[in-house]
N, C-alpha and C. Protein backbone atom coordinates (compact mmCIF):
# COMPACT_ATOMS: atom_id res chain seq x y z
N MET A 1 -35.32 -4.75 2.68
CA MET A 1 -34.36 -3.79 2.13
C MET A 1 -33.04 -4.37 3.05
N ASP A 2 -32.01 -4.82 1.95
CA ASP A 2 -30.60 -5.84 2.22
C ASP A 2 -29.55 -4.61 2.80
N THR A 3 -29.56 -4.67 4.44
CA THR A 3 -28.50 -3.81 5.14
C THR A 3 -27.14 -4.53 5.00
N MET A 4 -26.78 -5.43 4.49
CA MET A 4 -25.47 -5.81 4.36
C MET A 4 -24.57 -5.36 3.36
N THR A 5 -23.31 -4.70 4.00
CA THR A 5 -22.63 -3.99 3.07
C THR A 5 -21.36 -5.10 2.24
N LYS A 6 -21.28 -4.90 0.91
CA LYS A 6 -20.55 -5.90 0.41
C LYS A 6 -19.00 -5.43 0.91
N ARG A 7 -18.18 -6.68 1.46
CA ARG A 7 -16.92 -6.71 1.60
C ARG A 7 -16.10 -6.71 0.50
N GLU A 8 -15.06 -5.92 0.49
CA GLU A 8 -14.00 -5.71 -0.62
C GLU A 8 -13.03 -7.11 -0.24
N THR A 9 -12.61 -7.89 -1.55
CA THR A 9 -11.80 -8.91 -1.16
C THR A 9 -10.28 -8.33 -1.86
N LEU A 10 -9.23 -9.15 -1.55
CA LEU A 10 -7.87 -9.08 -2.20
C LEU A 10 -7.41 -10.25 -2.79
N THR A 11 -6.69 -10.23 -4.03
CA THR A 11 -6.13 -11.36 -4.58
C THR A 11 -4.67 -11.02 -4.81
N ALA A 12 -3.83 -11.94 -4.69
CA ALA A 12 -2.55 -11.64 -4.96
C ALA A 12 -2.21 -10.94 -6.21
N GLY A 13 -1.18 -9.91 -5.90
CA GLY A 13 -1.12 -9.06 -7.07
C GLY A 13 -1.47 -7.84 -6.76
N ASP A 14 -2.43 -7.66 -6.05
CA ASP A 14 -3.08 -6.44 -5.41
C ASP A 14 -2.06 -5.30 -4.79
N ILE A 15 -2.07 -3.99 -4.98
CA ILE A 15 -0.83 -3.12 -4.83
C ILE A 15 -1.73 -2.48 -3.48
N LEU A 16 -0.59 -2.12 -2.38
CA LEU A 16 -1.29 -1.32 -1.28
C LEU A 16 -0.71 -0.29 -1.05
N HIS A 17 -1.16 0.95 -0.53
CA HIS A 17 -0.36 2.12 -0.08
C HIS A 17 -0.44 2.12 1.09
N CYS A 18 0.60 2.91 1.55
CA CYS A 18 0.54 3.42 3.15
C CYS A 18 1.67 4.71 3.14
N GLY A 19 0.96 5.93 3.54
CA GLY A 19 1.11 7.27 3.32
C GLY A 19 1.53 7.43 4.78
N TRP A 20 2.71 7.88 5.15
CA TRP A 20 2.84 8.23 6.58
C TRP A 20 4.04 9.60 6.65
N GLY A 21 4.04 9.52 8.01
CA GLY A 21 5.05 10.97 8.28
C GLY A 21 4.24 12.02 9.07
N SER A 22 4.91 12.68 10.18
CA SER A 22 4.29 13.70 10.91
C SER A 22 4.79 14.99 10.33
N ASP A 23 6.00 15.44 10.04
CA ASP A 23 6.53 16.52 9.37
C ASP A 23 7.18 16.15 7.89
N MET A 24 6.89 14.84 7.61
CA MET A 24 7.42 14.97 6.15
C MET A 24 6.40 13.57 5.30
N SER A 25 6.36 13.70 4.12
CA SER A 25 5.67 12.78 3.40
C SER A 25 6.25 11.54 2.86
N ILE A 26 6.05 10.41 3.54
CA ILE A 26 6.68 9.09 3.15
C ILE A 26 5.46 8.19 2.32
N ASN A 27 6.11 7.43 1.51
CA ASN A 27 4.94 6.72 0.96
C ASN A 27 5.73 5.20 0.91
N ASP A 28 4.95 3.89 1.73
CA ASP A 28 5.40 2.59 1.63
C ASP A 28 4.47 2.04 0.46
N TYR A 29 4.80 1.26 -0.46
CA TYR A 29 3.93 0.33 -1.21
C TYR A 29 4.29 -1.15 -1.12
N TYR A 30 3.22 -1.92 -1.05
CA TYR A 30 3.42 -3.49 -0.77
C TYR A 30 2.36 -4.19 -1.62
N GLU A 31 2.95 -5.50 -2.35
CA GLU A 31 1.98 -6.05 -2.80
C GLU A 31 1.65 -7.49 -2.04
N VAL A 32 0.29 -7.68 -2.29
CA VAL A 32 -0.23 -8.98 -1.98
C VAL A 32 0.17 -10.30 -2.31
N THR A 33 1.22 -11.21 -1.70
CA THR A 33 1.50 -12.33 -2.24
C THR A 33 0.56 -13.53 -2.05
N ARG A 34 -0.54 -13.44 -1.38
CA ARG A 34 -1.13 -14.62 -1.28
C ARG A 34 -2.21 -13.96 -0.09
N VAL A 35 -3.26 -15.00 -0.34
CA VAL A 35 -4.39 -14.55 0.68
C VAL A 35 -4.88 -16.06 1.47
N THR A 36 -5.18 -16.42 2.55
CA THR A 36 -5.45 -17.32 3.10
C THR A 36 -7.02 -17.82 2.40
N PRO A 37 -7.36 -18.97 2.66
CA PRO A 37 -8.70 -19.61 1.94
C PRO A 37 -9.92 -18.47 2.71
N SER A 38 -9.97 -18.26 4.17
CA SER A 38 -10.58 -17.50 4.46
C SER A 38 -10.91 -16.08 4.37
N GLY A 39 -9.73 -15.69 3.98
CA GLY A 39 -9.83 -14.30 3.36
C GLY A 39 -9.47 -13.45 4.59
N LYS A 40 -9.11 -13.98 5.85
CA LYS A 40 -8.96 -13.09 6.80
C LYS A 40 -7.62 -12.33 7.00
N THR A 41 -6.48 -13.56 6.67
CA THR A 41 -5.31 -13.08 6.43
C THR A 41 -4.52 -13.14 5.28
N ALA A 42 -3.48 -11.83 4.91
CA ALA A 42 -3.13 -11.78 3.60
C ALA A 42 -1.56 -11.89 3.78
N TYR A 43 -0.77 -12.07 3.33
CA TYR A 43 0.94 -11.87 2.99
C TYR A 43 1.22 -10.98 2.12
N ILE A 44 1.91 -10.04 2.34
CA ILE A 44 2.34 -8.91 1.65
C ILE A 44 4.01 -8.97 1.96
N ARG A 45 4.42 -8.47 0.81
CA ARG A 45 5.90 -8.01 0.70
C ARG A 45 5.99 -6.58 0.22
N PRO A 46 7.06 -5.88 0.92
CA PRO A 46 7.16 -4.36 0.66
C PRO A 46 8.08 -4.28 -0.78
N LEU A 47 7.60 -2.98 -1.60
CA LEU A 47 8.05 -3.14 -2.86
C LEU A 47 8.92 -1.86 -2.72
N ARG A 48 10.04 -1.84 -3.82
CA ARG A 48 10.97 -0.90 -4.07
C ARG A 48 10.02 0.35 -4.81
N LYS A 49 10.53 1.34 -4.39
CA LYS A 49 9.70 2.37 -5.66
C LYS A 49 11.05 3.31 -6.28
N THR A 50 10.26 3.99 -7.16
CA THR A 50 11.11 4.89 -7.96
C THR A 50 10.25 6.23 -7.76
N TYR A 51 11.47 7.22 -8.03
CA TYR A 51 10.99 8.78 -8.14
C TYR A 51 11.11 9.51 -9.11
N ALA A 52 10.43 10.51 -9.57
CA ALA A 52 10.26 11.68 -10.72
C ALA A 52 10.85 12.73 -9.53
N GLY A 53 12.28 13.27 -9.80
CA GLY A 53 13.26 13.94 -8.57
C GLY A 53 13.42 13.39 -7.64
N SER A 54 13.68 14.23 -6.38
CA SER A 54 14.03 14.00 -5.48
C SER A 54 13.40 14.00 -4.06
N PRO A 55 13.28 13.46 -3.28
CA PRO A 55 12.40 13.51 -2.05
C PRO A 55 12.87 14.56 -1.45
N ASN A 56 14.29 14.83 -1.51
CA ASN A 56 15.00 15.64 -0.80
C ASN A 56 14.74 17.17 -1.29
N ASP A 57 14.61 17.49 -2.63
CA ASP A 57 14.12 18.53 -3.21
C ASP A 57 13.10 19.42 -2.27
N MET A 58 13.36 20.53 -2.18
CA MET A 58 12.23 21.70 -1.99
C MET A 58 10.77 21.34 -2.37
N GLY A 59 10.00 20.93 -1.81
CA GLY A 59 8.46 20.47 -2.29
C GLY A 59 8.27 19.07 -2.82
N GLY A 60 9.56 18.47 -2.68
CA GLY A 60 9.48 16.54 -2.54
C GLY A 60 9.49 16.54 -4.27
N CYS A 61 8.42 15.40 -4.62
CA CYS A 61 8.71 14.63 -5.99
C CYS A 61 7.68 13.88 -5.88
N ARG A 62 7.61 13.22 -6.65
CA ARG A 62 6.52 11.85 -6.99
C ARG A 62 7.07 10.65 -6.79
N ALA A 63 6.37 9.46 -6.05
CA ALA A 63 7.03 8.43 -5.87
C ALA A 63 6.36 7.41 -6.35
N TYR A 64 6.80 6.23 -6.78
CA TYR A 64 5.76 5.41 -7.85
C TYR A 64 6.48 3.86 -7.38
N PRO A 65 5.56 3.09 -7.04
CA PRO A 65 5.77 1.80 -6.70
C PRO A 65 6.34 0.79 -7.74
N MET A 66 7.27 -0.16 -7.67
CA MET A 66 7.82 -0.90 -8.81
C MET A 66 6.80 -2.16 -8.78
N VAL A 67 5.85 -2.42 -9.69
CA VAL A 67 5.14 -3.18 -9.63
C VAL A 67 5.58 -4.43 -10.95
N ALA A 68 6.77 -4.45 -11.24
CA ALA A 68 7.14 -5.72 -12.19
C ALA A 68 8.68 -6.05 -12.13
N GLY A 69 8.89 -6.97 -12.64
CA GLY A 69 10.69 -7.48 -12.49
C GLY A 69 10.68 -8.23 -11.16
N GLU A 70 11.79 -9.14 -11.39
CA GLU A 70 12.18 -9.89 -10.08
C GLU A 70 12.79 -8.90 -8.96
N GLY A 71 13.20 -7.74 -9.07
CA GLY A 71 13.98 -6.98 -8.21
C GLY A 71 12.84 -5.73 -7.48
N ARG A 72 11.66 -6.19 -7.71
CA ARG A 72 10.58 -5.21 -7.18
C ARG A 72 10.48 -5.22 -5.44
N PHE A 73 10.63 -6.36 -5.01
CA PHE A 73 10.74 -6.13 -3.52
C PHE A 73 11.70 -6.00 -3.23
N SER A 74 11.48 -5.36 -1.94
CA SER A 74 12.94 -4.73 -1.12
C SER A 74 12.73 -5.55 0.40
N GLY A 75 11.68 -6.55 0.76
CA GLY A 75 11.84 -7.30 1.88
C GLY A 75 11.32 -8.42 1.75
N ASP A 76 11.03 -9.39 3.04
CA ASP A 76 10.03 -10.35 3.04
C ASP A 76 8.42 -10.27 3.16
N GLU A 77 8.27 -11.55 2.82
CA GLU A 77 6.80 -11.55 3.05
C GLU A 77 6.22 -11.54 4.63
N GLU A 78 5.10 -11.01 4.75
CA GLU A 78 4.71 -11.11 6.26
C GLU A 78 3.30 -11.12 5.87
N ALA A 79 2.90 -11.55 7.24
CA ALA A 79 1.28 -12.20 7.29
C ALA A 79 0.47 -11.00 7.84
N HIS A 80 -0.44 -10.29 7.53
CA HIS A 80 -1.22 -9.38 8.15
C HIS A 80 -2.92 -9.71 8.17
N ARG A 81 -3.13 -9.29 9.41
CA ARG A 81 -4.92 -9.45 9.41
C ARG A 81 -5.37 -8.52 8.32
N VAL A 82 -6.29 -8.62 7.58
CA VAL A 82 -7.09 -8.02 6.72
C VAL A 82 -8.24 -7.47 7.63
N HIS A 83 -8.33 -6.24 7.15
CA HIS A 83 -9.65 -5.33 8.41
C HIS A 83 -10.47 -4.78 7.36
N HIS A 84 -11.76 -4.55 7.74
CA HIS A 84 -12.63 -3.88 6.75
C HIS A 84 -13.53 -2.68 7.88
N PHE A 85 -13.61 -1.54 6.90
CA PHE A 85 -14.59 -0.41 7.33
C PHE A 85 -16.02 -1.12 7.29
N ASP A 86 -16.44 -0.01 7.84
CA ASP A 86 -18.08 -0.34 8.11
C ASP A 86 -18.71 -0.42 6.58
N ASP A 87 -18.26 0.43 5.90
CA ASP A 87 -18.71 0.27 4.34
C ASP A 87 -17.77 -0.88 3.55
N GLY A 88 -17.21 -1.92 4.11
CA GLY A 88 -16.63 -3.17 3.48
C GLY A 88 -15.43 -2.64 2.75
N ARG A 89 -14.62 -1.87 2.81
CA ARG A 89 -13.48 -1.49 2.26
C ARG A 89 -12.36 -2.24 3.12
N VAL A 90 -11.22 -2.70 2.48
CA VAL A 90 -10.09 -2.99 2.97
C VAL A 90 -9.12 -2.10 3.22
N TYR A 91 -8.60 -2.53 4.67
CA TYR A 91 -7.22 -1.93 4.82
C TYR A 91 -6.37 -2.83 5.98
N PHE A 92 -5.11 -2.57 6.31
CA PHE A 92 -3.93 -3.27 7.05
C PHE A 92 -3.54 -2.00 7.95
N ARG A 93 -3.31 -2.50 9.16
CA ARG A 93 -2.73 -2.13 10.08
C ARG A 93 -1.32 -2.64 10.24
N LEU A 94 -0.47 -1.97 9.95
CA LEU A 94 1.16 -2.25 9.83
C LEU A 94 1.61 -2.01 11.14
N SER A 95 1.36 -0.88 11.64
CA SER A 95 1.87 -0.67 13.05
C SER A 95 1.23 0.44 13.33
N SER A 96 1.22 0.80 14.85
CA SER A 96 0.68 2.01 15.59
C SER A 96 0.16 2.92 14.89
N PHE A 97 1.29 3.57 13.75
CA PHE A 97 0.86 4.71 12.88
C PHE A 97 0.61 4.76 11.45
N GLU A 98 0.97 3.17 11.10
CA GLU A 98 0.85 2.82 9.25
C GLU A 98 -0.18 1.99 9.51
N PHE A 99 -0.78 2.29 8.13
CA PHE A 99 -1.82 2.05 7.89
C PHE A 99 -2.43 1.65 6.10
N ALA A 100 -2.17 0.69 5.60
CA ALA A 100 -2.46 0.22 4.21
C ALA A 100 -3.55 0.00 3.48
N PHE A 101 -3.71 0.66 2.31
CA PHE A 101 -4.74 0.55 1.53
C PHE A 101 -4.67 0.14 0.14
N PRO A 102 -5.61 -0.51 -0.31
CA PRO A 102 -5.55 -0.95 -1.83
C PRO A 102 -5.68 0.04 -2.59
N MET A 103 -4.39 0.17 -3.84
CA MET A 103 -4.78 1.13 -4.62
C MET A 103 -5.17 0.56 -6.19
N ASP A 104 -5.34 1.15 -6.78
CA ASP A 104 -5.69 1.02 -8.43
C ASP A 104 -4.29 1.09 -8.95
N MET A 105 -4.30 0.34 -10.25
CA MET A 105 -3.08 0.80 -11.25
C MET A 105 -3.17 2.00 -11.53
N ALA A 106 -4.18 2.70 -11.97
CA ALA A 106 -4.29 4.30 -12.64
C ALA A 106 -3.42 5.35 -11.42
N GLU A 107 -3.83 4.75 -10.00
CA GLU A 107 -3.33 5.57 -9.03
C GLU A 107 -1.97 5.42 -8.75
N ALA A 108 -1.69 4.11 -9.04
CA ALA A 108 -0.19 3.68 -8.95
C ALA A 108 0.41 4.15 -9.90
N ALA A 109 -0.02 4.64 -11.32
CA ALA A 109 0.96 5.14 -12.35
C ALA A 109 1.03 6.61 -12.16
N TYR A 110 0.03 7.29 -11.52
CA TYR A 110 0.11 8.72 -11.19
C TYR A 110 1.29 8.84 -10.12
N GLY A 111 1.14 8.13 -9.19
CA GLY A 111 2.25 8.12 -8.23
C GLY A 111 1.49 9.17 -7.05
N CYS A 112 2.55 9.05 -5.75
CA CYS A 112 2.22 9.79 -4.79
C CYS A 112 3.53 10.80 -4.46
N HIS A 113 2.96 12.03 -3.67
CA HIS A 113 3.82 12.96 -3.52
C HIS A 113 4.69 12.49 -2.34
N GLU A 114 5.97 12.63 -2.38
CA GLU A 114 6.66 12.35 -1.21
C GLU A 114 8.00 13.37 -0.97
N ASP A 115 8.18 13.63 0.12
CA ASP A 115 8.88 15.31 0.77
C ASP A 115 9.63 14.63 1.92
N HIS A 116 10.58 14.65 2.20
CA HIS A 116 11.62 14.21 2.97
C HIS A 116 12.21 15.23 3.92
N ASN A 117 11.89 16.60 3.26
CA ASN A 117 12.31 17.67 4.26
C ASN A 117 11.38 17.95 5.31
N ASP A 118 11.85 17.96 6.47
CA ASP A 118 11.11 18.53 7.67
C ASP A 118 11.33 20.03 8.34
């Protein structure tokens, strides 16, 4: 019986999602710009986002990553270590309270709830 878990891999163009906030809901999105040959490090850039509504409205709104166009990036490229859960899924530890996970384009098209009211 094979007990090895298939590890998820990343490629340039993959979109990452990081949801955070203790008393508000905030979403950050990133694009993988390149991956080292070993697959242990990925370079990511933060993406701008658009809103359906306002995150300051009562109840918040939907936030969507900008995934196309020259102006989609909101910051510089940064290197991050690629981590894997025991089941092989990928994640990034961006800070002590921020973790980013790959998202599929269907999820990106649906957007994520964002609410800046505390």
